[in-house]
Amino acid sequence: MLSLFQRSGLSFERLKTFCAVVDASGISQAAPGDPNRQSQFSRQIKELEEFFGTRLVNRRRGKFELTAAGTELHSIAESHFRALDNLLRRETGKTITVRVAGGESVLHGALLPLLPQLKSRLPDITLELFNCRTDETLSRLKDGRVDFGLLMDVVNDGDLETQTIGDVRLGVYIPEGIKIRSVRPDAWKLIQTLPIAALAESRSVDRLRRSAEDRDIEIKAAFLGSSYAQVLDAAKSIGCLALVPDFFVAAQESGKFFTLEPKQEFSRKLSIAWKPRNLLLNSHGTALIQELKQLIAKILSRLPGEAWVHR
């Protein structure tokens, strides 16, 4: 018999309480204004600590912090609770929720346009999306709060599995209505002569500024936004260029797009990442990985360098 079952102190209820407290970042936050429940939660966490023979939480005034063992237990418990919930939902004919995290540009530009096709191919899945920066996406993947992450230039530290989907290239989108003389203009000449909308803060914009300075080109910013959706809308509204990734223009009905050179300087790797243990507990995980890879790669393959958007 597993030693797990040879002693008392471990139960679903205690693990549920532990996860609820961790998710709320503290006992007081998990049961606000209810001292009886707070006392109960504190006791249940202490019982788990006695069972495992180690501290799960560092108790400091005004600060809630998990130990290494507490972090691991939370990840294990969350993953198994979700696996059991998925089994229950599947066997009772309900859809299974799969949680995906990533940056706003990737979710909005690469994933949202694929929802009809994903729903058609995987009708039993409901996607729940989380708009997160890279470090937050990695954190959520490791502790089991999300199932998959879509990441740019991810550096794998060994805790996650990753697969590259394809290359994403930065370029300039020209809305319909802006007249350009050349049939195949150089993107840098466009930037030199026309105002541009771009993200207010991003590594891509920093690279653009450095490359422009090397070419003695002054960037004339017409709009600085917090998302690529804002950048595209502003470019169409005020009639200027938009600095965006190639996949972000795939769904546009009009306009033109030209990538920036050199390719290696303005190209990034888009990957899907997951925690192996979580994948084993998710019966739809492998299928979703393959579908996402194929569909997103298909979009990227249609934009090999210079993409003319349909009129």
Protein backbone atom coordinates (compact mmCIF):
# COMPACT_ATOMS: atom_id res chain seq x y z
CA MET A 1 0.00 0.00 0.00
CA LEU A 2 1.19 3.52 -0.74
CA SER A 3 2.49 5.30 2.37
CA LEU A 4 0.12 8.10 1.38
CA PHE A 5 -2.79 6.07 2.75
CA GLN A 6 -1.11 4.81 5.91
CA ARG A 7 -1.53 8.01 7.93
CA SER A 8 -4.28 10.52 8.56
CA GLY A 9 -4.30 14.22 7.82
CA LEU A 10 -4.67 14.28 4.03
CA SER A 11 -8.09 14.89 2.49
CA PHE A 12 -9.74 16.52 -0.49
CA GLU A 13 -11.26 19.12 1.80
CA ARG A 14 -7.87 20.15 3.22
CA LEU A 15 -6.31 20.30 -0.23
CA LYS A 16 -9.26 22.34 -1.51
CA THR A 17 -8.80 24.79 1.37
CA PHE A 18 -5.06 24.99 0.75
CA CYS A 19 -5.59 25.81 -2.94
CA ALA A 20 -8.27 28.39 -2.13
CA VAL A 21 -5.96 30.14 0.35
CA VAL A 22 -3.06 30.13 -2.11
CA ASP A 23 -5.24 31.48 -4.93
CA ALA A 24 -6.50 34.26 -2.63
CA SER A 25 -2.91 35.02 -1.43
CA GLY A 26 -3.76 34.54 2.22
CA ILE A 27 -6.16 33.15 4.81
CA SER A 28 -7.79 36.52 5.54
CA GLN A 29 -8.39 37.11 1.84
CA ALA A 30 -9.82 33.60 1.38
CA ALA A 31 -12.41 34.16 4.14
CA PRO A 32 -12.80 37.94 4.54
CA GLY A 33 -14.72 39.03 7.63
CA ASP A 34 -15.22 35.44 8.83
CA PRO A 35 -12.88 34.66 11.76
CA ASN A 36 -14.38 31.18 12.25
CA ARG A 37 -13.55 30.11 8.68
CA GLN A 38 -10.13 31.75 8.93
CA SER A 39 -9.42 29.68 12.04
CA GLN A 40 -10.64 26.55 10.24
CA PHE A 41 -8.46 27.26 7.21
CA SER A 42 -5.42 27.84 9.41
CA ARG A 43 -6.02 24.54 11.21
CA GLN A 44 -6.45 22.59 7.96
CA ILE A 45 -3.20 23.96 6.53
CA LYS A 46 -1.41 23.06 9.76
CA GLU A 47 -2.81 19.52 9.50
CA LEU A 48 -1.42 19.24 5.96
CA GLU A 49 1.96 20.43 7.21
CA GLU A 50 1.90 17.78 9.92
CA PHE A 51 0.99 15.14 7.35
CA PHE A 52 3.85 16.03 5.00
CA GLY A 53 6.26 16.80 7.82
CA THR A 54 7.28 20.18 6.48
CA ARG A 55 6.17 23.79 6.38
CA LEU A 56 3.99 24.69 3.41
CA VAL A 57 3.62 28.39 4.21
CA ASN A 58 6.00 30.93 5.69
CA ARG A 59 3.85 32.79 8.19
CA ARG A 60 4.87 36.42 8.44
CA ARG A 61 2.84 39.38 9.55
CA GLY A 62 1.09 40.90 6.55
CA LYS A 63 2.80 38.58 4.08
CA PHE A 64 1.73 35.21 2.64
CA GLU A 65 4.51 33.16 1.09
CA LEU A 66 4.68 29.52 0.02
CA THR A 67 7.68 27.36 0.72
CA ALA A 68 9.15 25.19 -2.05
CA ALA A 69 7.10 22.25 -0.75
CA GLY A 70 3.97 24.41 -0.62
CA THR A 71 4.47 25.55 -4.20
CA GLU A 72 4.86 21.95 -5.36
CA LEU A 73 1.81 20.75 -3.42
CA HIS A 74 -0.34 23.55 -4.86
CA SER A 75 0.72 22.64 -8.40
CA ILE A 76 0.03 18.93 -7.84
CA ALA A 77 -3.34 19.52 -6.18
CA GLU A 78 -4.54 22.03 -8.78
CA SER A 79 -3.55 19.73 -11.66
CA HIS A 80 -5.29 16.70 -10.18
CA PHE A 81 -8.43 18.62 -9.24
CA ARG A 82 -8.67 19.85 -12.81
CA ALA A 83 -8.07 16.36 -14.20
CA LEU A 84 -10.89 14.96 -12.03
CA ASP A 85 -13.17 17.83 -12.99
CA ASN A 86 -12.41 17.22 -16.67
CA LEU A 87 -13.24 13.53 -16.25
CA LEU A 88 -16.54 14.38 -14.58
CA ARG A 89 -17.44 16.95 -17.24
CA ARG A 90 -16.52 14.60 -20.09
CA GLU A 91 -18.54 11.70 -18.73
CA THR A 92 -21.56 13.92 -18.06
CA GLY A 93 -21.50 15.40 -21.57
CA LYS A 94 -20.14 18.83 -20.67
CA THR A 95 -17.33 20.74 -22.36
CA ILE A 96 -13.84 20.72 -20.88
CA THR A 97 -12.16 24.04 -20.19
CA VAL A 98 -8.57 24.43 -21.42
CA ARG A 99 -6.73 27.51 -20.17
CA VAL A 100 -4.23 29.27 -22.43
CA ALA A 101 -2.04 32.23 -21.45
CA GLY A 102 -0.03 34.56 -23.63
CA GLY A 103 0.60 38.14 -24.62
CA GLU A 104 -2.25 40.26 -25.94
CA SER A 105 -0.78 40.40 -29.44
CA VAL A 106 -0.46 36.61 -29.74
CA LEU A 107 -3.89 35.86 -28.29
CA HIS A 108 -5.64 38.56 -30.32
CA GLY A 109 -3.70 38.17 -33.56
CA ALA A 110 -2.87 34.46 -33.73
CA LEU A 111 -5.37 32.59 -31.55
CA LEU A 112 -8.71 34.43 -31.65
CA PRO A 113 -9.03 34.20 -35.47
CA LEU A 114 -8.69 30.41 -35.13
CA LEU A 115 -11.56 29.91 -32.68
CA PRO A 116 -14.11 28.78 -35.31
CA GLN A 117 -11.72 26.17 -36.70
CA LEU A 118 -10.65 24.98 -33.24
CA LYS A 119 -14.27 24.70 -32.13
CA SER A 120 -15.08 22.69 -35.24
CA ARG A 121 -12.16 20.29 -34.75
CA LEU A 122 -12.37 20.08 -30.95
CA PRO A 123 -16.06 20.62 -30.07
CA ASP A 124 -15.66 19.31 -26.51
CA ILE A 125 -13.23 22.07 -25.53
CA THR A 126 -13.95 25.55 -24.19
CA LEU A 127 -10.92 27.84 -24.32
CA GLU A 128 -10.28 30.25 -21.46
CA LEU A 129 -7.68 32.87 -22.35
CA PHE A 130 -5.44 34.86 -20.01
CA ASN A 131 -3.65 38.00 -21.19
CA CYS A 132 -0.27 37.77 -19.42
CA ARG A 133 3.27 39.00 -19.80
CA THR A 134 5.91 36.34 -20.42
CA ASP A 135 7.01 35.99 -16.79
CA GLU A 136 3.41 35.66 -15.59
CA THR A 137 2.62 33.09 -18.29
CA LEU A 138 5.62 31.00 -17.21
CA SER A 139 4.59 31.27 -13.56
CA ARG A 140 1.03 30.16 -14.33
CA LEU A 141 2.29 27.23 -16.38
CA LYS A 142 4.57 26.00 -13.63
CA ASP A 143 2.02 26.19 -10.81
CA GLY A 144 -0.81 24.69 -12.90
CA ARG A 145 -3.05 27.76 -13.19
CA VAL A 146 -3.00 27.43 -16.99
CA ASP A 147 -2.58 24.43 -19.27
CA PHE A 148 -0.68 26.01 -22.17
CA GLY A 149 1.24 29.15 -22.97
CA LEU A 150 1.88 30.87 -26.30
CA LEU A 151 5.23 32.61 -25.99
CA MET A 152 7.72 34.57 -28.06
CA ASP A 153 11.42 33.62 -27.81
CA VAL A 154 10.82 31.44 -24.76
CA VAL A 155 13.90 30.21 -22.89
CA ASN A 156 13.15 26.79 -21.41
CA ASP A 157 14.56 26.30 -17.92
CA GLY A 158 13.81 22.58 -17.87
CA ASP A 159 10.44 22.63 -16.07
CA LEU A 160 8.43 22.95 -19.28
CA GLU A 161 8.11 21.30 -22.66
CA THR A 162 8.07 23.60 -25.69
CA GLN A 163 7.48 23.24 -29.40
CA THR A 164 8.24 25.94 -31.95
CA ILE A 165 5.28 26.88 -34.13
CA GLY A 166 7.03 29.25 -36.53
CA ASP A 167 8.71 32.59 -37.14
CA VAL A 168 6.89 35.87 -36.56
CA ARG A 169 8.21 38.87 -38.48
CA LEU A 170 7.76 42.55 -37.77
CA GLY A 171 6.73 44.89 -40.56
CA VAL A 172 4.67 47.88 -41.61
CA TYR A 173 0.99 47.68 -42.45
CA ILE A 174 -0.34 50.23 -44.93
CA PRO A 175 -4.08 50.87 -44.58
CA GLU A 176 -6.20 51.22 -47.68
CA GLY A 177 -6.27 54.82 -48.82
CA ILE A 178 -2.58 55.59 -48.37
CA LYS A 179 -1.03 56.02 -51.80
CA ILE A 180 2.47 54.65 -52.42
CA ARG A 181 4.33 55.02 -55.69
CA SER A 182 6.35 51.80 -55.77
CA VAL A 183 4.68 48.44 -56.32
CA ARG A 184 7.17 46.78 -53.97
CA PRO A 185 8.52 49.55 -51.73
CA ASP A 186 11.26 49.15 -49.15
CA ALA A 187 9.76 49.19 -45.65
CA TRP A 188 12.50 51.50 -44.38
CA LYS A 189 11.76 54.07 -47.08
CA LEU A 190 8.11 54.00 -46.04
CA ILE A 191 9.10 54.65 -42.42
CA GLN A 192 11.36 57.49 -43.57
CA THR A 193 8.57 59.28 -45.43
CA LEU A 194 5.36 58.46 -43.54
CA PRO A 195 4.23 58.80 -39.90
CA ILE A 196 3.76 55.54 -38.01
CA ALA A 197 1.67 54.06 -35.18
CA ALA A 198 3.44 51.65 -32.82
CA LEU A 199 3.43 50.23 -29.33
CA ALA A 200 4.47 52.70 -26.66
CA GLU A 201 6.84 50.23 -25.01
CA SER A 202 8.21 47.04 -26.55
CA ARG A 203 11.49 45.39 -27.48
CA SER A 204 10.41 45.51 -31.13
CA VAL A 205 10.06 49.29 -31.04
CA ASP A 206 13.44 49.59 -29.32
CA ARG A 207 15.03 47.52 -32.09
CA LEU A 208 13.27 49.66 -34.70
CA ARG A 209 14.61 52.87 -33.15
CA ARG A 210 18.18 51.55 -33.05
CA SER A 211 18.04 50.32 -36.65
CA ALA A 212 16.49 53.61 -37.78
CA GLU A 213 19.30 55.56 -36.13
CA ASP A 214 21.87 53.37 -37.91
CA ARG A 215 20.19 54.30 -41.21
CA ASP A 216 19.90 58.01 -40.29
CA ILE A 217 16.13 57.71 -40.38
CA GLU A 218 13.98 59.77 -38.05
CA ILE A 219 10.83 57.97 -36.93
CA LYS A 220 7.77 60.19 -37.02
CA ALA A 221 5.43 58.72 -34.40
CA ALA A 222 1.78 59.52 -35.05
CA PHE A 223 0.36 57.29 -32.30
CA LEU A 224 1.70 55.15 -29.45
CA GLY A 225 -0.62 52.51 -28.02
CA SER A 226 -0.66 49.68 -25.48
CA SER A 227 -1.78 46.94 -27.88
CA TYR A 228 -1.44 46.02 -31.55
CA ALA A 229 -5.21 46.23 -31.91
CA GLN A 230 -5.01 49.89 -30.88
CA VAL A 231 -2.10 50.46 -33.25
CA LEU A 232 -4.02 49.03 -36.23
CA ASP A 233 -7.20 50.96 -35.42
CA ALA A 234 -5.24 54.20 -35.04
CA ALA A 235 -3.42 53.68 -38.34
CA LYS A 236 -6.71 53.20 -40.18
CA SER A 237 -8.31 56.15 -38.41
CA ILE A 238 -5.61 58.78 -38.93
CA GLY A 239 -4.10 57.35 -42.13
CA CYS A 240 -0.57 56.33 -41.15
CA LEU A 241 1.62 53.24 -41.13
CA ALA A 242 1.31 50.60 -38.39
CA LEU A 243 4.26 48.68 -36.95
CA VAL A 244 2.84 45.19 -36.28
CA PRO A 245 3.77 41.46 -36.48
CA ASP A 246 2.89 39.69 -39.71
CA PHE A 247 0.24 37.37 -38.21
CA PHE A 248 -1.64 40.39 -36.90
CA VAL A 249 -2.60 41.51 -40.40
CA ALA A 250 -3.79 38.11 -41.64
CA ALA A 251 -7.41 38.90 -40.77
CA GLN A 252 -7.38 42.39 -42.32
CA GLU A 253 -9.64 42.79 -45.33
CA SER A 254 -7.67 45.54 -47.04
CA GLY A 255 -4.28 47.21 -47.12
CA LYS A 256 -0.72 46.00 -47.69
CA PHE A 257 2.06 44.67 -45.48
CA PHE A 258 5.84 44.70 -45.88
CA THR A 259 8.31 43.06 -43.51
CA LEU A 260 11.40 44.77 -42.16
CA GLU A 261 14.91 43.71 -43.10
CA PRO A 262 17.21 42.20 -42.05
CA LYS A 263 15.03 39.20 -41.27
CA GLN A 264 17.09 37.91 -38.33
CA GLU A 265 16.85 41.25 -36.55
CA PHE A 266 13.07 41.55 -36.80
CA SER A 267 12.07 37.89 -36.50
CA ARG A 268 10.96 36.06 -33.34
CA LYS A 269 10.09 32.43 -32.57
CA LEU A 270 6.51 31.69 -31.54
CA SER A 271 6.24 28.57 -29.35
CA ILE A 272 3.65 26.66 -27.37
CA ALA A 273 4.68 25.57 -23.87
CA TRP A 274 3.20 23.27 -21.24
CA LYS A 275 4.13 21.34 -18.11
CA PRO A 276 4.53 17.61 -18.89
CA ARG A 277 2.66 16.45 -15.79
CA ASN A 278 -0.31 18.66 -16.61
CA LEU A 279 -0.44 17.27 -20.15
CA LEU A 280 -0.64 13.71 -18.80
CA LEU A 281 -3.69 14.73 -16.77
CA ASN A 282 -5.42 16.49 -19.67
CA SER A 283 -6.97 14.06 -22.14
CA HIS A 284 -7.41 16.81 -24.77
CA GLY A 285 -3.96 18.34 -24.32
CA THR A 286 -2.07 16.55 -27.08
CA ALA A 287 -4.86 17.13 -29.59
CA LEU A 288 -4.98 20.84 -28.78
CA ILE A 289 -1.21 21.21 -29.17
CA GLN A 290 -1.30 19.64 -32.63
CA GLU A 291 -4.30 21.68 -33.78
CA LEU A 292 -2.81 24.96 -32.55
CA LYS A 293 0.53 24.20 -34.16
CA GLN A 294 -1.01 23.30 -37.51
CA LEU A 295 -3.45 26.21 -37.67
CA ILE A 296 -1.07 28.95 -36.50
CA ALA A 297 1.76 27.57 -38.67
CA LYS A 298 -0.62 27.71 -41.64
CA ILE A 299 -1.19 31.43 -41.00
CA LEU A 300 2.54 32.09 -40.70
CA SER A 301 3.33 30.10 -43.84
CA ARG A 302 0.98 32.35 -45.83
CA LEU A 303 3.13 35.31 -44.79
CA PRO A 304 6.60 34.22 -45.94
CA GLY A 305 8.05 37.70 -46.24
CA GLU A 306 5.82 40.14 -48.01
CA ALA A 307 2.10 39.76 -47.42
CA TRP A 308 -0.46 41.45 -49.64
CA VAL A 309 -3.72 41.68 -47.78
CA HIS A 310 -6.83 41.06 -49.88
CA ARG A 311 -8.84 44.03 -51.06
